[in-house]
Amino acid sequence: MAAQEVYVDYGPGLEALAEERVLGKERASAFNASPHRDAEGRDRLLRELFGTVGADCWVEPPVYVAYGRNTHLGTGVYANVGLTLVDDGEVHIGDHVMIAPNVTISATGHPVHPDLRRTGGQFSAPVRIEADAWIGANVTIMPGVTIGAGSVVGAGSVVTRDVPPGVVVVGVPARVLRPITEDDRDFTYVPPRSL
């Protein structure tokens, strides 16, 4: 797994991995079922679910994980509903990252050739989302990707390659739309135009 080579994660001798996956899903279920008003209890459950959690993090349930323990949150992370973490490999989410609803972050994929997939072959590569990034609704982030500090990933994008710091990316696959500049400090909402 750590070598980013094709591997299988079940079968004889791999029972401990299967148990870790079950524990992660049980912890996610407990978090998802926790009372909305119990902020202290939710924080405790979040810290049991993930590998590390910084101060002042808030994750809206439901959240879905492969393991949970391979995900690391910095300080002040906010994640909206429906976050899916395919964290067979490491997922690092930096300080003050904002994640909109229904985002999938996958540190794991499968080879293209069917012979390699037939036995459950997969690979993992770490995903990093650097500080102050904003991930829009319904975004998918693929294995091995780094999202640069302060960047914005537009809603519905599929990120297949690294994103530089300080840019807006959109599309399938995501492409740089423009840099974030000082002009962006003067924000005024402009309603969408008709098609």
N, C-alpha and C. Protein backbone atom coordinates (compact mmCIF):
# COMPACT_ATOMS: atom_id res chain seq x y z
N MET A 1 0.82 -1.20 0.00
CA MET A 1 0.00 0.00 0.00
C MET A 1 0.87 1.27 0.00
N ALA A 2 1.81 1.30 0.93
CA ALA A 2 2.66 2.49 1.06
C ALA A 2 3.54 2.72 -0.16
N ALA A 3 3.89 1.64 -0.87
CA ALA A 3 4.74 1.75 -2.05
C ALA A 3 3.97 2.17 -3.30
N GLN A 4 2.65 2.34 -3.18
CA GLN A 4 1.78 2.75 -4.28
C GLN A 4 1.80 1.73 -5.42
N GLU A 5 1.96 0.47 -5.04
CA GLU A 5 1.91 -0.63 -6.00
C GLU A 5 0.54 -1.30 -5.91
N VAL A 6 0.22 -2.14 -6.87
CA VAL A 6 -1.04 -2.86 -6.85
C VAL A 6 -1.02 -3.87 -5.69
N TYR A 7 -2.09 -3.91 -4.92
CA TYR A 7 -2.20 -4.83 -3.79
C TYR A 7 -3.66 -5.26 -3.64
N VAL A 8 -3.87 -6.28 -2.83
CA VAL A 8 -5.22 -6.66 -2.40
C VAL A 8 -5.27 -6.48 -0.89
N ASP A 9 -6.45 -6.13 -0.40
CA ASP A 9 -6.57 -5.83 1.03
C ASP A 9 -7.49 -6.80 1.78
N TYR A 10 -7.66 -8.00 1.20
CA TYR A 10 -8.47 -9.01 1.89
C TYR A 10 -7.89 -10.38 1.58
N GLY A 11 -8.25 -11.35 2.39
CA GLY A 11 -7.78 -12.71 2.19
C GLY A 11 -6.96 -13.19 3.37
N PRO A 12 -6.43 -14.41 3.27
CA PRO A 12 -5.65 -14.98 4.36
C PRO A 12 -4.47 -14.08 4.74
N GLY A 13 -4.31 -13.88 6.03
CA GLY A 13 -3.21 -13.06 6.54
C GLY A 13 -3.52 -11.58 6.57
N LEU A 14 -4.67 -11.17 6.02
CA LEU A 14 -5.02 -9.76 5.98
C LEU A 14 -6.28 -9.45 6.83
N GLU A 15 -6.57 -10.32 7.77
CA GLU A 15 -7.75 -10.16 8.61
C GLU A 15 -7.69 -8.87 9.42
N ALA A 16 -6.49 -8.44 9.82
CA ALA A 16 -6.37 -7.21 10.61
C ALA A 16 -6.83 -5.99 9.81
N LEU A 17 -6.52 -5.97 8.51
CA LEU A 17 -7.00 -4.86 7.66
C LEU A 17 -8.52 -4.86 7.58
N ALA A 18 -9.11 -6.03 7.40
CA ALA A 18 -10.57 -6.13 7.34
C ALA A 18 -11.18 -5.63 8.64
N GLU A 19 -10.58 -5.98 9.76
CA GLU A 19 -11.08 -5.53 11.07
C GLU A 19 -10.97 -4.00 11.20
N GLU A 20 -9.88 -3.42 10.72
CA GLU A 20 -9.72 -1.96 10.78
C GLU A 20 -10.79 -1.26 9.95
N ARG A 21 -11.12 -1.83 8.79
CA ARG A 21 -12.18 -1.24 7.96
C ARG A 21 -13.53 -1.30 8.67
N VAL A 22 -13.82 -2.43 9.29
CA VAL A 22 -15.08 -2.57 10.02
C VAL A 22 -15.14 -1.57 11.17
N LEU A 23 -14.05 -1.45 11.92
CA LEU A 23 -14.01 -0.48 13.03
C LEU A 23 -14.24 0.94 12.53
N GLY A 24 -13.62 1.29 11.41
CA GLY A 24 -13.82 2.63 10.85
C GLY A 24 -15.27 2.89 10.49
N LYS A 25 -15.91 1.90 9.89
CA LYS A 25 -17.31 2.05 9.50
C LYS A 25 -18.22 2.11 10.73
N GLU A 26 -17.89 1.34 11.78
CA GLU A 26 -18.66 1.41 13.03
C GLU A 26 -18.52 2.79 13.67
N ARG A 27 -17.31 3.33 13.66
CA ARG A 27 -17.10 4.66 14.24
C ARG A 27 -17.83 5.73 13.43
N ALA A 28 -17.79 5.61 12.11
CA ALA A 28 -18.53 6.56 11.27
C ALA A 28 -20.03 6.47 11.54
N SER A 29 -20.56 5.26 11.69
CA SER A 29 -21.98 5.08 11.99
C SER A 29 -22.34 5.72 13.33
N ALA A 30 -21.48 5.54 14.33
CA ALA A 30 -21.73 6.16 15.64
C ALA A 30 -21.74 7.68 15.52
N PHE A 31 -20.78 8.22 14.78
CA PHE A 31 -20.74 9.67 14.58
C PHE A 31 -21.99 10.14 13.85
N ASN A 32 -22.37 9.43 12.80
CA ASN A 32 -23.54 9.83 12.00
C ASN A 32 -24.83 9.79 12.81
N ALA A 33 -24.89 8.91 13.79
CA ALA A 33 -26.10 8.78 14.62
C ALA A 33 -26.08 9.67 15.85
N SER A 34 -25.01 10.40 16.07
CA SER A 34 -24.89 11.21 17.28
C SER A 34 -25.88 12.37 17.28
N PRO A 35 -26.35 12.77 18.48
CA PRO A 35 -27.33 13.86 18.58
C PRO A 35 -26.75 15.18 18.07
N HIS A 36 -27.55 15.91 17.33
CA HIS A 36 -27.10 17.18 16.74
C HIS A 36 -26.67 18.19 17.79
N ARG A 37 -27.28 18.18 18.94
CA ARG A 37 -26.96 19.18 19.98
C ARG A 37 -25.76 18.80 20.84
N ASP A 38 -25.22 17.60 20.66
CA ASP A 38 -24.12 17.13 21.50
C ASP A 38 -22.78 17.42 20.83
N ALA A 39 -22.39 18.69 20.79
CA ALA A 39 -21.14 19.08 20.13
C ALA A 39 -19.92 18.41 20.77
N GLU A 40 -19.91 18.30 22.08
CA GLU A 40 -18.78 17.69 22.77
C GLU A 40 -18.67 16.20 22.43
N GLY A 41 -19.80 15.51 22.42
CA GLY A 41 -19.80 14.09 22.07
C GLY A 41 -19.40 13.86 20.63
N ARG A 42 -19.88 14.74 19.74
CA ARG A 42 -19.50 14.63 18.32
C ARG A 42 -18.01 14.83 18.13
N ASP A 43 -17.46 15.80 18.85
CA ASP A 43 -16.02 16.05 18.74
C ASP A 43 -15.24 14.82 19.21
N ARG A 44 -15.67 14.21 20.30
CA ARG A 44 -15.01 13.01 20.80
C ARG A 44 -15.07 11.89 19.77
N LEU A 45 -16.25 11.67 19.17
CA LEU A 45 -16.40 10.62 18.17
C LEU A 45 -15.55 10.90 16.92
N LEU A 46 -15.47 12.17 16.53
CA LEU A 46 -14.65 12.54 15.38
C LEU A 46 -13.18 12.20 15.63
N ARG A 47 -12.73 12.46 16.85
CA ARG A 47 -11.34 12.17 17.21
C ARG A 47 -11.07 10.67 17.29
N GLU A 48 -12.09 9.87 17.59
CA GLU A 48 -11.95 8.42 17.56
C GLU A 48 -11.95 7.89 16.13
N LEU A 49 -12.69 8.57 15.25
CA LEU A 49 -12.83 8.13 13.85
C LEU A 49 -11.57 8.40 13.04
N PHE A 50 -11.04 9.63 13.12
CA PHE A 50 -9.92 10.04 12.27
C PHE A 50 -8.58 9.87 12.97
N GLY A 51 -7.50 9.80 12.15
CA GLY A 51 -6.15 9.65 12.68
C GLY A 51 -5.76 10.81 13.56
N THR A 52 -5.97 12.04 13.09
CA THR A 52 -5.74 13.24 13.89
C THR A 52 -6.80 14.28 13.52
N VAL A 53 -7.14 15.10 14.51
CA VAL A 53 -8.12 16.16 14.33
C VAL A 53 -7.62 17.38 15.08
N GLY A 54 -7.45 18.51 14.38
CA GLY A 54 -7.04 19.74 15.02
C GLY A 54 -8.19 20.38 15.78
N ALA A 55 -7.92 21.52 16.37
CA ALA A 55 -8.94 22.24 17.13
C ALA A 55 -9.99 22.84 16.20
N ASP A 56 -11.18 23.02 16.73
CA ASP A 56 -12.26 23.76 16.05
C ASP A 56 -12.64 23.18 14.69
N CYS A 57 -12.70 21.85 14.60
CA CYS A 57 -13.17 21.21 13.37
C CYS A 57 -14.65 20.88 13.50
N TRP A 58 -15.35 20.93 12.39
CA TRP A 58 -16.76 20.56 12.39
C TRP A 58 -17.04 19.76 11.11
N VAL A 59 -17.57 18.57 11.29
CA VAL A 59 -17.95 17.71 10.17
C VAL A 59 -19.44 17.42 10.33
N GLU A 60 -20.21 17.74 9.30
CA GLU A 60 -21.64 17.46 9.31
C GLU A 60 -21.87 16.01 8.91
N PRO A 61 -22.66 15.27 9.68
CA PRO A 61 -22.98 13.92 9.24
C PRO A 61 -23.98 13.95 8.09
N PRO A 62 -24.02 12.92 7.27
CA PRO A 62 -23.21 11.71 7.38
C PRO A 62 -21.85 11.86 6.73
N VAL A 63 -20.91 11.11 7.26
CA VAL A 63 -19.58 10.98 6.68
C VAL A 63 -19.34 9.49 6.46
N TYR A 64 -18.65 9.14 5.38
CA TYR A 64 -18.39 7.75 5.04
C TYR A 64 -16.88 7.57 4.88
N VAL A 65 -16.36 6.45 5.37
CA VAL A 65 -14.91 6.20 5.32
C VAL A 65 -14.63 4.77 4.90
N ALA A 66 -13.42 4.55 4.39
CA ALA A 66 -12.92 3.18 4.21
C ALA A 66 -12.31 2.72 5.54
N TYR A 67 -11.46 3.56 6.13
CA TYR A 67 -10.82 3.25 7.41
C TYR A 67 -11.06 4.33 8.45
N GLY A 68 -10.99 5.59 8.05
CA GLY A 68 -11.11 6.69 9.00
C GLY A 68 -9.77 7.09 9.59
N ARG A 69 -9.05 6.13 10.10
CA ARG A 69 -7.79 6.42 10.79
C ARG A 69 -6.72 6.99 9.87
N ASN A 70 -6.87 6.83 8.56
CA ASN A 70 -5.88 7.34 7.61
C ASN A 70 -6.17 8.77 7.17
N THR A 71 -7.18 9.38 7.76
CA THR A 71 -7.54 10.76 7.44
C THR A 71 -7.10 11.67 8.58
N HIS A 72 -6.51 12.82 8.21
CA HIS A 72 -5.97 13.75 9.19
C HIS A 72 -6.50 15.15 8.89
N LEU A 73 -7.13 15.77 9.91
CA LEU A 73 -7.69 17.11 9.75
C LEU A 73 -6.85 18.12 10.51
N GLY A 74 -6.57 19.25 9.86
CA GLY A 74 -5.88 20.35 10.53
C GLY A 74 -6.85 21.11 11.42
N THR A 75 -6.48 22.32 11.78
CA THR A 75 -7.30 23.18 12.63
C THR A 75 -8.37 23.88 11.80
N GLY A 76 -9.57 24.01 12.37
CA GLY A 76 -10.62 24.81 11.76
C GLY A 76 -11.17 24.26 10.47
N VAL A 77 -11.12 22.95 10.26
CA VAL A 77 -11.67 22.32 9.05
C VAL A 77 -13.19 22.27 9.18
N TYR A 78 -13.88 22.60 8.10
CA TYR A 78 -15.34 22.44 8.04
C TYR A 78 -15.68 21.55 6.85
N ALA A 79 -16.47 20.49 7.10
CA ALA A 79 -16.93 19.62 6.03
C ALA A 79 -18.44 19.50 6.13
N ASN A 80 -19.14 19.76 5.04
CA ASN A 80 -20.58 19.68 4.99
C ASN A 80 -21.01 18.22 4.80
N VAL A 81 -22.30 18.00 4.64
CA VAL A 81 -22.89 16.65 4.61
C VAL A 81 -22.36 15.82 3.44
N GLY A 82 -22.32 14.50 3.67
CA GLY A 82 -22.04 13.56 2.59
C GLY A 82 -20.59 13.42 2.20
N LEU A 83 -19.66 13.77 3.07
CA LEU A 83 -18.24 13.60 2.76
C LEU A 83 -17.90 12.11 2.72
N THR A 84 -17.30 11.68 1.61
CA THR A 84 -16.87 10.29 1.45
C THR A 84 -15.35 10.27 1.35
N LEU A 85 -14.72 9.50 2.23
CA LEU A 85 -13.26 9.41 2.28
C LEU A 85 -12.85 7.97 2.00
N VAL A 86 -12.33 7.74 0.81
CA VAL A 86 -11.80 6.42 0.46
C VAL A 86 -10.34 6.46 0.90
N ASP A 87 -10.16 6.28 2.20
CA ASP A 87 -8.86 6.52 2.82
C ASP A 87 -8.09 5.24 3.12
N ASP A 88 -8.03 4.34 2.12
CA ASP A 88 -7.12 3.20 2.25
C ASP A 88 -5.69 3.72 2.33
N GLY A 89 -5.42 4.84 1.67
CA GLY A 89 -4.17 5.58 1.78
C GLY A 89 -4.41 6.85 2.59
N GLU A 90 -3.35 7.60 2.85
CA GLU A 90 -3.42 8.80 3.67
C GLU A 90 -4.18 9.94 2.98
N VAL A 91 -5.01 10.63 3.76
CA VAL A 91 -5.70 11.85 3.33
C VAL A 91 -5.37 12.92 4.35
N HIS A 92 -4.76 14.01 3.90
CA HIS A 92 -4.39 15.12 4.79
C HIS A 92 -5.16 16.36 4.37
N ILE A 93 -5.95 16.89 5.28
CA ILE A 93 -6.77 18.08 5.02
C ILE A 93 -6.24 19.18 5.92
N GLY A 94 -5.72 20.25 5.31
CA GLY A 94 -5.02 21.31 6.04
C GLY A 94 -5.93 22.25 6.81
N ASP A 95 -5.28 23.18 7.50
CA ASP A 95 -5.98 24.16 8.34
C ASP A 95 -6.96 24.99 7.52
N HIS A 96 -8.13 25.20 8.08
CA HIS A 96 -9.16 26.10 7.55
C HIS A 96 -9.65 25.72 6.15
N VAL A 97 -9.56 24.45 5.83
CA VAL A 97 -10.15 23.96 4.57
C VAL A 97 -11.66 23.89 4.74
N MET A 98 -12.38 24.28 3.70
CA MET A 98 -13.84 24.18 3.67
C MET A 98 -14.23 23.18 2.59
N ILE A 99 -15.14 22.27 2.96
CA ILE A 99 -15.59 21.22 2.05
C ILE A 99 -17.10 21.29 1.96
N ALA A 100 -17.62 21.48 0.75
CA ALA A 100 -19.06 21.60 0.51
C ALA A 100 -19.71 20.20 0.52
N PRO A 101 -21.04 20.13 0.34
CA PRO A 101 -21.73 18.84 0.39
C PRO A 101 -21.30 17.87 -0.71
N ASN A 102 -21.37 16.58 -0.33
CA ASN A 102 -21.22 15.46 -1.27
C ASN A 102 -19.89 15.42 -2.01
N VAL A 103 -18.83 15.64 -1.28
CA VAL A 103 -17.48 15.58 -1.84
C VAL A 103 -16.92 14.17 -1.62
N THR A 104 -16.22 13.64 -2.62
CA THR A 104 -15.52 12.37 -2.50
C THR A 104 -14.03 12.61 -2.64
N ILE A 105 -13.28 12.16 -1.64
CA ILE A 105 -11.82 12.23 -1.67
C ILE A 105 -11.33 10.79 -1.65
N SER A 106 -10.68 10.38 -2.74
CA SER A 106 -10.26 8.99 -2.87
C SER A 106 -8.75 8.89 -2.98
N ALA A 107 -8.15 8.28 -1.98
CA ALA A 107 -6.71 8.00 -2.02
C ALA A 107 -6.44 6.64 -2.64
N THR A 108 -7.50 6.00 -3.14
CA THR A 108 -7.37 4.64 -3.66
C THR A 108 -8.11 4.51 -4.98
N GLY A 109 -7.54 3.73 -5.89
CA GLY A 109 -8.17 3.44 -7.17
C GLY A 109 -7.83 2.02 -7.59
N HIS A 110 -8.27 1.68 -8.77
CA HIS A 110 -8.02 0.35 -9.32
C HIS A 110 -7.30 0.47 -10.66
N PRO A 111 -6.46 -0.50 -11.00
CA PRO A 111 -5.76 -0.47 -12.28
C PRO A 111 -6.76 -0.50 -13.45
N VAL A 112 -6.32 -0.03 -14.60
CA VAL A 112 -7.16 0.01 -15.78
C VAL A 112 -7.38 -1.39 -16.36
N HIS A 113 -6.35 -2.23 -16.39
CA HIS A 113 -6.47 -3.54 -17.03
C HIS A 113 -7.32 -4.48 -16.18
N PRO A 114 -8.32 -5.14 -16.80
CA PRO A 114 -9.23 -5.99 -16.03
C PRO A 114 -8.57 -7.16 -15.34
N ASP A 115 -7.47 -7.70 -15.90
CA ASP A 115 -6.80 -8.82 -15.25
C ASP A 115 -6.27 -8.41 -13.87
N LEU A 116 -5.85 -7.15 -13.74
CA LEU A 116 -5.34 -6.67 -12.45
C LEU A 116 -6.47 -6.38 -11.47
N ARG A 117 -7.65 -6.09 -11.98
CA ARG A 117 -8.80 -5.80 -11.11
C ARG A 117 -9.54 -7.07 -10.69
N ARG A 118 -9.43 -8.11 -11.48
CA ARG A 118 -10.23 -9.31 -11.27
C ARG A 118 -10.06 -9.86 -9.85
N THR A 119 -8.88 -9.80 -9.31
CA THR A 119 -8.64 -10.32 -7.96
C THR A 119 -8.74 -9.24 -6.89
N GLY A 120 -9.31 -8.10 -7.26
CA GLY A 120 -9.46 -7.02 -6.28
C GLY A 120 -8.27 -6.09 -6.19
N GLY A 121 -7.39 -6.14 -7.19
CA GLY A 121 -6.21 -5.28 -7.17
C GLY A 121 -6.56 -3.81 -7.08
N GLN A 122 -5.83 -3.10 -6.27
CA GLN A 122 -6.02 -1.66 -6.12
C GLN A 122 -4.67 -1.00 -5.82
N PHE A 123 -4.66 0.32 -5.83
CA PHE A 123 -3.46 1.06 -5.46
C PHE A 123 -3.89 2.24 -4.61
N SER A 124 -2.97 2.78 -3.85
CA SER A 124 -3.25 3.95 -3.02
C SER A 124 -2.14 4.97 -3.18
N ALA A 125 -2.52 6.24 -3.20
CA ALA A 125 -1.56 7.35 -3.25
C ALA A 125 -2.13 8.49 -2.42
N PRO A 126 -1.33 9.12 -1.56
CA PRO A 126 -1.86 10.11 -0.63
C PRO A 126 -2.50 11.31 -1.32
N VAL A 127 -3.55 11.83 -0.70
CA VAL A 127 -4.21 13.06 -1.15
C VAL A 127 -3.93 14.13 -0.10
N ARG A 128 -3.58 15.32 -0.58
CA ARG A 128 -3.32 16.45 0.32
C ARG A 128 -4.13 17.65 -0.14
N ILE A 129 -4.85 18.23 0.80
CA ILE A 129 -5.56 19.47 0.55
C ILE A 129 -4.94 20.49 1.49
N GLU A 130 -4.23 21.46 0.91
CA GLU A 130 -3.46 22.40 1.73
C GLU A 130 -4.36 23.48 2.33
N ALA A 131 -3.82 24.22 3.27
CA ALA A 131 -4.55 25.20 4.07
C ALA A 131 -5.36 26.17 3.21
N ASP A 132 -6.54 26.50 3.73
CA ASP A 132 -7.41 27.55 3.17
C ASP A 132 -8.01 27.22 1.82
N ALA A 133 -7.93 25.96 1.40
CA ALA A 133 -8.58 25.58 0.15
C ALA A 133 -10.09 25.46 0.38
N TRP A 134 -10.86 25.62 -0.67
CA TRP A 134 -12.31 25.46 -0.63
C TRP A 134 -12.68 24.46 -1.72
N ILE A 135 -13.32 23.37 -1.32
CA ILE A 135 -13.71 22.31 -2.23
C ILE A 135 -15.22 22.41 -2.42
N GLY A 136 -15.68 22.68 -3.66
CA GLY A 136 -17.09 22.88 -3.95
C GLY A 136 -17.91 21.60 -3.90
N ALA A 137 -19.22 21.76 -3.96
CA ALA A 137 -20.16 20.64 -3.89
C ALA A 137 -19.93 19.64 -5.01
N ASN A 138 -20.10 18.37 -4.68
CA ASN A 138 -20.04 17.27 -5.65
C ASN A 138 -18.70 17.15 -6.37
N VAL A 139 -17.63 17.54 -5.72
CA VAL A 139 -16.28 17.41 -6.28
C VAL A 139 -15.76 16.00 -5.99
N THR A 140 -14.98 15.45 -6.92
CA THR A 140 -14.27 14.21 -6.71
C THR A 140 -12.78 14.49 -6.85
N ILE A 141 -12.01 14.08 -5.84
CA ILE A 141 -10.56 14.24 -5.85
C ILE A 141 -9.94 12.85 -5.93
N MET A 142 -9.11 12.64 -6.94
CA MET A 142 -8.55 11.32 -7.24
C MET A 142 -7.24 11.06 -6.48
N PRO A 143 -6.78 9.79 -6.45
CA PRO A 143 -5.57 9.43 -5.72
C PRO A 143 -4.34 10.22 -6.16
N GLY A 144 -3.51 10.56 -5.19
CA GLY A 144 -2.23 11.19 -5.45
C GLY A 144 -2.27 12.68 -5.70
N VAL A 145 -3.45 13.29 -5.61
CA VAL A 145 -3.61 14.71 -5.93
C VAL A 145 -3.29 15.59 -4.72
N THR A 146 -2.66 16.73 -4.98
CA THR A 146 -2.48 17.79 -3.98
C THR A 146 -3.24 19.02 -4.46
N ILE A 147 -4.06 19.57 -3.60
CA ILE A 147 -4.75 20.84 -3.87
C ILE A 147 -3.96 21.92 -3.16
N GLY A 148 -3.45 22.88 -3.90
CA GLY A 148 -2.59 23.92 -3.33
C GLY A 148 -3.31 24.85 -2.38
N ALA A 149 -2.55 25.48 -1.50
CA ALA A 149 -3.08 26.37 -0.47
C ALA A 149 -3.91 27.49 -1.09
N GLY A 150 -5.08 27.72 -0.49
CA GLY A 150 -5.93 28.83 -0.89
C GLY A 150 -6.70 28.63 -2.17
N SER A 151 -6.55 27.51 -2.83
CA SER A 151 -7.24 27.30 -4.10
C SER A 151 -8.71 26.94 -3.90
N VAL A 152 -9.49 27.14 -4.96
CA VAL A 152 -10.92 26.82 -4.97
C VAL A 152 -11.15 25.80 -6.08
N VAL A 153 -11.86 24.72 -5.73
CA VAL A 153 -12.25 23.72 -6.72
C VAL A 153 -13.75 23.88 -6.93
N GLY A 154 -14.15 24.28 -8.15
CA GLY A 154 -15.54 24.56 -8.46
C GLY A 154 -16.42 23.33 -8.38
N ALA A 155 -17.69 23.57 -8.05
CA ALA A 155 -18.67 22.50 -7.88
C ALA A 155 -18.69 21.56 -9.09
N GLY A 156 -18.79 20.26 -8.80
CA GLY A 156 -18.90 19.25 -9.84
C GLY A 156 -17.61 18.86 -10.52
N SER A 157 -16.50 19.43 -10.11
CA SER A 157 -15.23 19.14 -10.77
C SER A 157 -14.69 17.77 -10.37
N VAL A 158 -13.88 17.20 -11.27
CA VAL A 158 -13.15 15.97 -10.98
C VAL A 158 -11.67 16.33 -11.08
N VAL A 159 -10.97 16.23 -9.95
CA VAL A 159 -9.57 16.65 -9.89
C VAL A 159 -8.68 15.42 -10.07
N THR A 160 -7.98 15.38 -11.21
CA THR A 160 -7.14 14.24 -11.55
C THR A 160 -5.65 14.56 -11.46
N ARG A 161 -5.31 15.86 -11.30
CA ARG A 161 -3.91 16.29 -11.23
C ARG A 161 -3.76 17.34 -10.15
N ASP A 162 -2.52 17.58 -9.75
CA ASP A 162 -2.25 18.58 -8.72
C ASP A 162 -2.78 19.95 -9.14
N VAL A 163 -3.26 20.69 -8.14
CA VAL A 163 -3.77 22.04 -8.33
C VAL A 163 -2.76 23.00 -7.69
N PRO A 164 -2.29 24.01 -8.45
CA PRO A 164 -1.35 24.96 -7.84
C PRO A 164 -2.03 25.78 -6.74
N PRO A 165 -1.25 26.42 -5.89
CA PRO A 165 -1.83 27.29 -4.88
C PRO A 165 -2.47 28.53 -5.52
N GLY A 166 -3.51 29.03 -4.86
CA GLY A 166 -4.07 30.33 -5.23
C GLY A 166 -4.76 30.42 -6.57
N VAL A 167 -5.44 29.34 -7.00
CA VAL A 167 -6.15 29.39 -8.27
C VAL A 167 -7.57 28.84 -8.10
N VAL A 168 -8.41 29.13 -9.09
CA VAL A 168 -9.74 28.52 -9.20
C VAL A 168 -9.65 27.49 -10.31
N VAL A 169 -10.07 26.24 -9.98
CA VAL A 169 -10.12 25.19 -11.01
C VAL A 169 -11.56 24.70 -11.13
N VAL A 170 -11.95 24.35 -12.36
CA VAL A 170 -13.29 23.84 -12.63
C VAL A 170 -13.23 22.81 -13.74
N GLY A 171 -14.25 21.93 -13.79
CA GLY A 171 -14.41 21.06 -14.94
C GLY A 171 -14.11 19.60 -14.68
N VAL A 172 -14.33 18.83 -15.75
CA VAL A 172 -14.10 17.39 -15.74
C VAL A 172 -13.27 17.05 -16.97
N PRO A 173 -11.98 16.85 -16.83
CA PRO A 173 -11.19 16.99 -15.61
C PRO A 173 -10.98 18.47 -15.27
N ALA A 174 -10.69 18.75 -14.01
CA ALA A 174 -10.51 20.12 -13.55
C ALA A 174 -9.32 20.78 -14.24
N ARG A 175 -9.51 22.03 -14.65
CA ARG A 175 -8.48 22.85 -15.28
C ARG A 175 -8.46 24.22 -14.58
N VAL A 176 -7.32 24.87 -14.61
CA VAL A 176 -7.21 26.20 -14.00
C VAL A 176 -8.06 27.18 -14.81
N LEU A 177 -8.98 27.83 -14.12
CA LEU A 177 -9.82 28.86 -14.73
C LEU A 177 -9.14 30.21 -14.64
N ARG A 178 -8.60 30.51 -13.43
CA ARG A 178 -7.95 31.80 -13.23
C ARG A 178 -7.23 31.81 -11.89
N PRO A 179 -6.31 32.75 -11.72
CA PRO A 179 -5.69 32.91 -10.40
C PRO A 179 -6.64 33.67 -9.47
N ILE A 180 -6.44 33.48 -8.18
CA ILE A 180 -7.14 34.29 -7.18
C ILE A 180 -6.26 35.52 -6.96
N THR A 181 -6.85 36.71 -7.07
CA THR A 181 -6.08 37.96 -7.00
C THR A 181 -6.60 38.87 -5.89
N GLU A 182 -5.94 39.99 -5.70
CA GLU A 182 -6.38 40.98 -4.73
C GLU A 182 -7.77 41.52 -5.08
N ASP A 183 -8.14 41.50 -6.36
CA ASP A 183 -9.48 41.95 -6.76
C ASP A 183 -10.57 41.10 -6.11
N ASP A 184 -10.24 39.86 -5.75
CA ASP A 184 -11.23 38.98 -5.14
C ASP A 184 -11.58 39.37 -3.71
N ARG A 185 -10.83 40.30 -3.11
CA ARG A 185 -11.18 40.81 -1.78
C ARG A 185 -12.47 41.63 -1.82
N ASP A 186 -12.75 42.26 -2.96
CA ASP A 186 -13.98 43.06 -3.12
C ASP A 186 -15.07 42.15 -3.67
N PHE A 187 -15.68 41.36 -2.78
CA PHE A 187 -16.65 40.37 -3.22
C PHE A 187 -18.05 40.96 -3.24
N THR A 188 -18.73 40.76 -4.34
CA THR A 188 -20.14 41.05 -4.46
C THR A 188 -20.76 39.89 -5.22
N TYR A 189 -21.82 39.34 -4.65
CA TYR A 189 -22.50 38.23 -5.33
C TYR A 189 -23.16 38.74 -6.60
N VAL A 190 -22.90 38.04 -7.68
CA VAL A 190 -23.52 38.37 -8.95
C VAL A 190 -24.36 37.15 -9.34
N PRO A 191 -25.70 37.33 -9.45
CA PRO A 191 -26.54 36.19 -9.80
C PRO A 191 -26.17 35.65 -11.20
N PRO A 192 -26.38 34.34 -11.39
CA PRO A 192 -26.06 33.76 -12.70
C PRO A 192 -26.94 34.36 -13.80
N ARG A 193 -26.36 34.45 -14.98
CA ARG A 193 -27.11 34.93 -16.15
C ARG A 193 -27.91 33.79 -16.77
N SER A 194 -28.90 34.12 -17.53
CA SER A 194 -29.69 33.10 -18.24
C SER A 194 -28.85 32.49 -19.34
N LEU A 195 -29.17 31.25 -19.67
CA LEU A 195 -28.48 30.57 -20.77
C LEU A 195 -28.98 31.08 -22.10
